[in-house]
Amino acid sequence: MTDIITLSDSRVAAIAEQECGEPLVDLRDAPGLRIDHRQADADGSYAHLRLGALRRLLEAQALLPDGIRFLVVEGYRPPALQRRYFAQYAATLRTAHPDAGPDRIRELASAYISPPEVAPHVSGGAVDLTLCTADGTELPLGTEVNATPEESAGACRTGAPDIGAESRAHRALMSRALTTAGFVNYPTEWWHWSYGDRYWALLTGAPAARYGPAGAPARRR
């Protein structure tokens, strides 16, 4: 992981935010997107993205071959949920690495769960997704979405060498479409892509993040 910038890196936190004011929009109203329900929450936060991120996601889907579509697993994540996820995973890592100090635990945890203060999902600019056929059948991408580094033996990393040729081709297909549309990938998680957040700004050289923490989405009627 020497070439991977994790979200615990001080350079991410140092990125300024210039909130552009784009609203969170409901992906369930977007034409042609398939929304998975495995991360569904009571208020539907998981099915929201910032408007600019959604537009780019639809651009990326238009670049996929006929018969292949994105399957969106999770978009916006409320700050309280992000804090809970991070604390739970950090506690698991403290048990597995009892000699590791707080900084090391934070670094290890950020390879899978973003530190809450810089989390792309909290900004509304990040989306976890995979590929599927037109009827919703998921395509193989080497691991399940949200597979931890421990349970996948590192195969969750986007550039992991020990996955099959078909899965590698699917990851490359996803990468070409999403990168062309303006997203960046978090390289420890093949399914995680973002636009407009601090991590995106750092990787693209943008002067500031477009999105700070987003407010709660409007209730679906």
C-alpha atoms as a PDB file:
ATOM      1  CA  MET A   1       0.000   0.000   0.000  1.00  0.00           C
ATOM      2  CA  THR A   2       3.005   2.337  -0.271  1.00  0.00           C
ATOM      3  CA  ASP A   3       1.521   4.116  -3.297  1.00  0.00           C
ATOM      4  CA  ILE A   4      -1.975   4.380  -1.860  1.00  0.00           C
ATOM      5  CA  ILE A   5      -3.093   7.598  -0.199  1.00  0.00           C
ATOM      6  CA  THR A   6      -5.525   6.606   2.534  1.00  0.00           C
ATOM      7  CA  LEU A   7      -8.187   8.852   3.967  1.00  0.00           C
ATOM      8  CA  SER A   8      -6.226   9.119   7.221  1.00  0.00           C
ATOM      9  CA  ASP A   9      -3.471  10.986   5.354  1.00  0.00           C
ATOM     10  CA  SER A  10      -3.068  14.531   6.685  1.00  0.00           C
ATOM     11  CA  ARG A  11      -3.117  15.855   3.112  1.00  0.00           C
ATOM     12  CA  VAL A  12      -6.783  14.874   2.818  1.00  0.00           C
ATOM     13  CA  ALA A  13      -7.798  16.751   5.965  1.00  0.00           C
ATOM     14  CA  ALA A  14      -5.790  19.776   4.788  1.00  0.00           C
ATOM     15  CA  ILE A  15      -7.948  20.220   1.674  1.00  0.00           C
ATOM     16  CA  ALA A  16     -10.202  23.266   1.931  1.00  0.00           C
ATOM     17  CA  GLU A  17     -13.939  23.011   1.341  1.00  0.00           C
ATOM     18  CA  GLN A  18     -15.848  25.469  -0.826  1.00  0.00           C
ATOM     19  CA  GLU A  19     -19.401  24.206  -0.517  1.00  0.00           C
ATOM     20  CA  CYS A  20     -21.200  24.695  -3.820  1.00  0.00           C
ATOM     21  CA  GLY A  21     -24.687  24.200  -2.423  1.00  0.00           C
ATOM     22  CA  GLU A  22     -25.818  21.385  -4.717  1.00  0.00           C
ATOM     23  CA  PRO A  23     -28.744  19.467  -3.215  1.00  0.00           C
ATOM     24  CA  LEU A  24     -28.915  15.801  -2.424  1.00  0.00           C
ATOM     25  CA  VAL A  25     -31.189  14.105  -4.959  1.00  0.00           C
ATOM     26  CA  ASP A  26     -32.944  10.764  -4.819  1.00  0.00           C
ATOM     27  CA  LEU A  27     -31.358   8.165  -7.093  1.00  0.00           C
ATOM     28  CA  ARG A  28     -34.592   6.185  -7.095  1.00  0.00           C
ATOM     29  CA  ASP A  29     -36.055   8.899  -9.311  1.00  0.00           C
ATOM     30  CA  ALA A  30     -33.150   8.806 -11.795  1.00  0.00           C
ATOM     31  CA  PRO A  31     -33.876   7.168 -15.146  1.00  0.00           C
ATOM     32  CA  GLY A  32     -32.158   3.878 -15.804  1.00  0.00           C
ATOM     33  CA  LEU A  33     -30.329   3.435 -12.492  1.00  0.00           C
ATOM     34  CA  ARG A  34     -30.684   0.198 -10.550  1.00  0.00           C
ATOM     35  CA  ILE A  35     -30.647   0.654  -6.774  1.00  0.00           C
ATOM     36  CA  ASP A  36     -29.696  -2.228  -4.504  1.00  0.00           C
ATOM     37  CA  HIS A  37     -31.259  -2.457  -1.035  1.00  0.00           C
ATOM     38  CA  ARG A  38     -28.565  -4.186   1.019  1.00  0.00           C
ATOM     39  CA  GLN A  39     -27.554  -0.886   2.693  1.00  0.00           C
ATOM     40  CA  ALA A  40     -31.058   0.574   2.828  1.00  0.00           C
ATOM     41  CA  ASP A  41     -31.873   2.720   5.849  1.00  0.00           C
ATOM     42  CA  ALA A  42     -35.203   3.904   7.214  1.00  0.00           C
ATOM     43  CA  ASP A  43     -35.076   7.412   5.722  1.00  0.00           C
ATOM     44  CA  GLY A  44     -33.585   6.414   2.368  1.00  0.00           C
ATOM     45  CA  SER A  45     -30.305   8.303   2.836  1.00  0.00           C
ATOM     46  CA  TYR A  46     -28.402   5.510   1.084  1.00  0.00           C
ATOM     47  CA  ALA A  47     -30.219   6.295  -2.188  1.00  0.00           C
ATOM     48  CA  HIS A  48     -29.103   9.936  -2.418  1.00  0.00           C
ATOM     49  CA  LEU A  49     -26.215  11.745  -4.098  1.00  0.00           C
ATOM     50  CA  ARG A  50     -25.362  15.343  -4.834  1.00  0.00           C
ATOM     51  CA  LEU A  51     -26.843  16.524  -8.109  1.00  0.00           C
ATOM     52  CA  GLY A  52     -23.465  16.914  -9.824  1.00  0.00           C
ATOM     53  CA  ALA A  53     -22.382  13.433  -8.768  1.00  0.00           C
ATOM     54  CA  LEU A  54     -25.614  11.940 -10.081  1.00  0.00           C
ATOM     55  CA  ARG A  55     -25.182  13.657 -13.436  1.00  0.00           C
ATOM     56  CA  ARG A  56     -21.690  12.206 -13.737  1.00  0.00           C
ATOM     57  CA  LEU A  57     -22.910   8.775 -12.691  1.00  0.00           C
ATOM     58  CA  LEU A  58     -25.471   8.821 -15.489  1.00  0.00           C
ATOM     59  CA  GLU A  59     -22.736   9.945 -17.911  1.00  0.00           C
ATOM     60  CA  ALA A  60     -20.613   6.999 -16.801  1.00  0.00           C
ATOM     61  CA  GLN A  61     -23.478   4.527 -17.203  1.00  0.00           C
ATOM     62  CA  ALA A  62     -23.992   5.746 -20.772  1.00  0.00           C
ATOM     63  CA  LEU A  63     -20.411   4.666 -21.495  1.00  0.00           C
ATOM     64  CA  LEU A  64     -21.032   1.050 -20.470  1.00  0.00           C
ATOM     65  CA  PRO A  65     -21.648  -1.604 -23.136  1.00  0.00           C
ATOM     66  CA  ASP A  66     -25.203  -2.559 -24.011  1.00  0.00           C
ATOM     67  CA  GLY A  67     -26.654  -4.947 -21.473  1.00  0.00           C
ATOM     68  CA  ILE A  68     -24.440  -3.794 -18.580  1.00  0.00           C
ATOM     69  CA  ARG A  69     -25.517  -1.290 -15.949  1.00  0.00           C
ATOM     70  CA  PHE A  70     -24.438   0.056 -12.602  1.00  0.00           C
ATOM     71  CA  LEU A  71     -25.997  -1.363  -9.471  1.00  0.00           C
ATOM     72  CA  VAL A  72     -25.836   1.347  -6.804  1.00  0.00           C
ATOM     73  CA  VAL A  73     -25.382   0.015  -3.278  1.00  0.00           C
ATOM     74  CA  GLU A  74     -24.919   3.184  -1.212  1.00  0.00           C
ATOM     75  CA  GLY A  75     -24.573   6.908  -1.719  1.00  0.00           C
ATOM     76  CA  TYR A  76     -25.007   9.472   1.054  1.00  0.00           C
ATOM     77  CA  ARG A  77     -24.294   8.320   4.600  1.00  0.00           C
ATOM     78  CA  PRO A  78     -25.374  10.376   7.652  1.00  0.00           C
ATOM     79  CA  PRO A  79     -22.469  11.490   9.913  1.00  0.00           C
ATOM     80  CA  ALA A  80     -23.753   9.525  12.915  1.00  0.00           C
ATOM     81  CA  LEU A  81     -23.794   6.306  10.890  1.00  0.00           C
ATOM     82  CA  GLN A  82     -20.292   6.993   9.582  1.00  0.00           C
ATOM     83  CA  ARG A  83     -19.019   7.508  13.136  1.00  0.00           C
ATOM     84  CA  ARG A  84     -20.620   4.247  14.232  1.00  0.00           C
ATOM     85  CA  TYR A  85     -19.141   2.259  11.346  1.00  0.00           C
ATOM     86  CA  PHE A  86     -15.680   3.680  11.985  1.00  0.00           C
ATOM     87  CA  ALA A  87     -15.801   3.048  15.737  1.00  0.00           C
ATOM     88  CA  GLN A  88     -16.978  -0.533  15.272  1.00  0.00           C
ATOM     89  CA  TYR A  89     -14.257  -1.391  12.758  1.00  0.00           C
ATOM     90  CA  ALA A  90     -11.571   0.349  14.843  1.00  0.00           C
ATOM     91  CA  ALA A  91     -12.632  -1.732  17.854  1.00  0.00           C
ATOM     92  CA  THR A  92     -12.267  -4.912  15.782  1.00  0.00           C
ATOM     93  CA  LEU A  93      -8.787  -3.840  14.721  1.00  0.00           C
ATOM     94  CA  ARG A  94      -7.735  -3.003  18.281  1.00  0.00           C
ATOM     95  CA  THR A  95      -8.612  -6.564  19.257  1.00  0.00           C
ATOM     96  CA  ALA A  96      -6.647  -7.969  16.309  1.00  0.00           C
ATOM     97  CA  HIS A  97      -3.673  -5.626  16.868  1.00  0.00           C
ATOM     98  CA  PRO A  98      -3.433  -5.089  20.644  1.00  0.00           C
ATOM     99  CA  ASP A  99       0.037  -3.501  20.397  1.00  0.00           C
ATOM    100  CA  ALA A 100      -0.989  -0.880  17.822  1.00  0.00           C
ATOM    101  CA  GLY A 101      -1.344   2.715  18.964  1.00  0.00           C
ATOM    102  CA  PRO A 102      -4.276   5.011  18.152  1.00  0.00           C
ATOM    103  CA  ASP A 103      -2.624   6.494  15.056  1.00  0.00           C
ATOM    104  CA  ARG A 104      -1.901   3.058  13.609  1.00  0.00           C
ATOM    105  CA  ILE A 105      -5.426   1.848  14.323  1.00  0.00           C
ATOM    106  CA  ARG A 106      -6.798   4.936  12.599  1.00  0.00           C
ATOM    107  CA  GLU A 107      -4.587   4.272   9.576  1.00  0.00           C
ATOM    108  CA  LEU A 108      -5.615   0.620   9.385  1.00  0.00           C
ATOM    109  CA  ALA A 109      -9.292   1.437   9.832  1.00  0.00           C
ATOM    110  CA  SER A 110      -9.215   4.084   7.103  1.00  0.00           C
ATOM    111  CA  ALA A 111      -8.254   1.447   4.545  1.00  0.00           C
ATOM    112  CA  TYR A 112     -11.841   0.239   4.842  1.00  0.00           C
ATOM    113  CA  ILE A 113     -13.949   2.849   6.690  1.00  0.00           C
ATOM    114  CA  SER A 114     -13.303   6.560   6.197  1.00  0.00           C
ATOM    115  CA  PRO A 115     -12.528   8.696   9.247  1.00  0.00           C
ATOM    116  CA  PRO A 116     -15.793  10.559   9.902  1.00  0.00           C
ATOM    117  CA  GLU A 117     -14.328  14.051   9.593  1.00  0.00           C
ATOM    118  CA  VAL A 118     -13.199  13.489   5.967  1.00  0.00           C
ATOM    119  CA  ALA A 119     -15.614  10.752   4.858  1.00  0.00           C
ATOM    120  CA  PRO A 120     -16.622  11.047   1.191  1.00  0.00           C
ATOM    121  CA  HIS A 121     -20.029   9.430   1.802  1.00  0.00           C
ATOM    122  CA  VAL A 122     -20.930  12.120   4.332  1.00  0.00           C
ATOM    123  CA  SER A 123     -20.406  14.748   1.620  1.00  0.00           C
ATOM    124  CA  GLY A 124     -22.964  13.135  -0.659  1.00  0.00           C
ATOM    125  CA  GLY A 125     -20.351  12.854  -3.399  1.00  0.00           C
ATOM    126  CA  ALA A 126     -19.411   9.193  -2.952  1.00  0.00           C
ATOM    127  CA  VAL A 127     -21.106   6.105  -4.284  1.00  0.00           C
ATOM    128  CA  ASP A 128     -20.535   2.398  -3.693  1.00  0.00           C
ATOM    129  CA  LEU A 129     -21.576   0.397  -6.731  1.00  0.00           C
ATOM    130  CA  THR A 130     -20.985  -2.651  -8.855  1.00  0.00           C
ATOM    131  CA  LEU A 131     -21.980  -3.905 -12.300  1.00  0.00           C
ATOM    132  CA  CYS A 132     -24.996  -5.953 -13.265  1.00  0.00           C
ATOM    133  CA  THR A 133     -26.835  -7.203 -16.311  1.00  0.00           C
ATOM    134  CA  ALA A 134     -30.016  -5.561 -17.559  1.00  0.00           C
ATOM    135  CA  ASP A 135     -32.101  -7.891 -15.370  1.00  0.00           C
ATOM    136  CA  GLY A 136     -30.097  -7.034 -12.235  1.00  0.00           C
ATOM    137  CA  THR A 137     -27.791 -10.070 -12.054  1.00  0.00           C
ATOM    138  CA  GLU A 138     -24.502  -8.983 -10.500  1.00  0.00           C
ATOM    139  CA  LEU A 139     -21.337  -9.529 -12.502  1.00  0.00           C
ATOM    140  CA  PRO A 140     -18.202 -10.973 -10.849  1.00  0.00           C
ATOM    141  CA  LEU A 141     -15.744  -8.330  -9.660  1.00  0.00           C
ATOM    142  CA  GLY A 142     -13.526 -10.430  -7.436  1.00  0.00           C
ATOM    143  CA  THR A 143     -15.165  -9.849  -4.047  1.00  0.00           C
ATOM    144  CA  GLU A 144     -18.487  -8.855  -2.628  1.00  0.00           C
ATOM    145  CA  VAL A 145     -19.168  -5.146  -2.286  1.00  0.00           C
ATOM    146  CA  ASN A 146     -17.950  -4.028   1.173  1.00  0.00           C
ATOM    147  CA  ALA A 147     -15.678  -7.038   1.670  1.00  0.00           C
ATOM    148  CA  THR A 148     -13.112  -6.174   4.333  1.00  0.00           C
ATOM    149  CA  PRO A 149      -9.350  -6.484   3.683  1.00  0.00           C
ATOM    150  CA  GLU A 150      -9.253  -9.315   6.210  1.00  0.00           C
ATOM    151  CA  GLU A 151     -12.043 -11.450   4.761  1.00  0.00           C
ATOM    152  CA  SER A 152     -10.974 -10.856   1.148  1.00  0.00           C
ATOM    153  CA  ALA A 153      -7.221 -11.311   1.763  1.00  0.00           C
ATOM    154  CA  GLY A 154      -6.696  -7.905   0.173  1.00  0.00           C
ATOM    155  CA  ALA A 155      -8.689  -8.667  -2.989  1.00  0.00           C
ATOM    156  CA  CYS A 156     -10.933  -5.687  -2.178  1.00  0.00           C
ATOM    157  CA  ARG A 157      -8.151  -3.395  -3.381  1.00  0.00           C
ATOM    158  CA  THR A 158      -8.900  -2.131  -6.853  1.00  0.00           C
ATOM    159  CA  GLY A 159      -5.556  -3.244  -8.255  1.00  0.00           C
ATOM    160  CA  ALA A 160      -5.393  -6.582  -6.428  1.00  0.00           C
ATOM    161  CA  PRO A 161      -3.435  -9.082  -8.549  1.00  0.00           C
ATOM    162  CA  ASP A 162      -5.062 -12.264  -7.249  1.00  0.00           C
ATOM    163  CA  ILE A 163      -8.468 -12.041  -8.926  1.00  0.00           C
ATOM    164  CA  GLY A 164      -9.710 -13.764 -12.060  1.00  0.00           C
ATOM    165  CA  ALA A 165      -9.379 -12.323 -15.537  1.00  0.00           C
ATOM    166  CA  GLU A 166     -13.128 -11.775 -15.872  1.00  0.00           C
ATOM    167  CA  SER A 167     -13.315  -9.849 -12.598  1.00  0.00           C
ATOM    168  CA  ARG A 168     -10.273  -7.790 -13.576  1.00  0.00           C
ATOM    169  CA  ALA A 169     -11.885  -6.919 -16.894  1.00  0.00           C
ATOM    170  CA  HIS A 170     -15.079  -5.828 -15.147  1.00  0.00           C
ATOM    171  CA  ARG A 171     -13.119  -3.612 -12.754  1.00  0.00           C
ATOM    172  CA  ALA A 172     -11.307  -2.049 -15.704  1.00  0.00           C
ATOM    173  CA  LEU A 173     -14.617  -1.429 -17.479  1.00  0.00           C
ATOM    174  CA  MET A 174     -16.035   0.278 -14.405  1.00  0.00           C
ATOM    175  CA  SER A 175     -12.887   2.318 -13.961  1.00  0.00           C
ATOM    176  CA  ARG A 176     -12.845   3.606 -17.538  1.00  0.00           C
ATOM    177  CA  ALA A 177     -16.446   4.753 -17.418  1.00  0.00           C
ATOM    178  CA  LEU A 178     -16.326   6.386 -13.995  1.00  0.00           C
ATOM    179  CA  THR A 179     -12.930   8.019 -14.490  1.00  0.00           C
ATOM    180  CA  THR A 180     -14.042   9.453 -17.820  1.00  0.00           C
ATOM    181  CA  ALA A 181     -17.092  10.948 -16.079  1.00  0.00           C
ATOM    182  CA  GLY A 182     -14.904  12.649 -13.456  1.00  0.00           C
ATOM    183  CA  PHE A 183     -14.935  10.273 -10.487  1.00  0.00           C
ATOM    184  CA  VAL A 184     -11.926   9.054  -8.520  1.00  0.00           C
ATOM    185  CA  ASN A 185     -11.575   5.644  -6.892  1.00  0.00           C
ATOM    186  CA  TYR A 186     -10.514   4.878  -3.341  1.00  0.00           C
ATOM    187  CA  PRO A 187      -7.953   2.216  -4.230  1.00  0.00           C
ATOM    188  CA  THR A 188      -8.499  -0.007  -1.200  1.00  0.00           C
ATOM    189  CA  GLU A 189     -12.135  -0.517  -2.291  1.00  0.00           C
ATOM    190  CA  TRP A 190     -12.901  -1.283  -5.943  1.00  0.00           C
ATOM    191  CA  TRP A 191     -16.576  -0.338  -5.452  1.00  0.00           C
ATOM    192  CA  HIS A 192     -16.012   3.149  -3.953  1.00  0.00           C
ATOM    193  CA  TRP A 193     -15.981   6.172  -6.275  1.00  0.00           C
ATOM    194  CA  SER A 194     -16.408   9.841  -5.492  1.00  0.00           C
ATOM    195  CA  TYR A 195     -16.658  13.304  -6.972  1.00  0.00           C
ATOM    196  CA  GLY A 196     -16.423  16.714  -5.320  1.00  0.00           C
ATOM    197  CA  ASP A 197     -15.175  15.600  -1.887  1.00  0.00           C
ATOM    198  CA  ARG A 198     -11.774  16.247  -0.276  1.00  0.00           C
ATOM    199  CA  TYR A 199     -10.251  12.997  -1.546  1.00  0.00           C
ATOM    200  CA  TRP A 200     -11.353  13.838  -5.100  1.00  0.00           C
ATOM    201  CA  ALA A 201      -9.837  17.313  -4.770  1.00  0.00           C
ATOM    202  CA  LEU A 202      -6.506  15.920  -3.582  1.00  0.00           C
ATOM    203  CA  LEU A 203      -6.243  13.354  -6.366  1.00  0.00           C
ATOM    204  CA  THR A 204      -7.353  15.684  -9.152  1.00  0.00           C
ATOM    205  CA  GLY A 205      -5.479  18.765  -7.992  1.00  0.00           C
ATOM    206  CA  ALA A 206      -8.652  20.806  -7.562  1.00  0.00           C
ATOM    207  CA  PRO A 207      -8.120  23.919  -5.416  1.00  0.00           C
ATOM    208  CA  ALA A 208     -10.829  22.852  -2.940  1.00  0.00           C
ATOM    209  CA  ALA A 209     -13.543  20.294  -2.356  1.00  0.00           C
ATOM    210  CA  ARG A 210     -16.917  21.228  -3.860  1.00  0.00           C
ATOM    211  CA  TYR A 211     -18.858  19.377  -1.187  1.00  0.00           C
ATOM    212  CA  GLY A 212     -18.691  19.628   2.584  1.00  0.00           C
ATOM    213  CA  PRO A 213     -20.857  17.483   4.860  1.00  0.00           C
ATOM    214  CA  ALA A 214     -24.365  17.311   3.415  1.00  0.00           C
ATOM    215  CA  GLY A 215     -27.527  17.875   5.386  1.00  0.00           C
ATOM    216  CA  ALA A 216     -30.196  15.233   5.721  1.00  0.00           C
ATOM    217  CA  PRO A 217     -32.058  14.489   2.472  1.00  0.00           C
ATOM    218  CA  ALA A 218     -35.662  15.488   2.015  1.00  0.00           C
ATOM    219  CA  ARG A 219     -38.192  12.844   2.964  1.00  0.00           C
ATOM    220  CA  ARG A 220     -39.574  10.833   0.060  1.00  0.00           C
ATOM    221  CA  ARG A 221     -43.291  11.366  -0.465  1.00  0.00           C
END
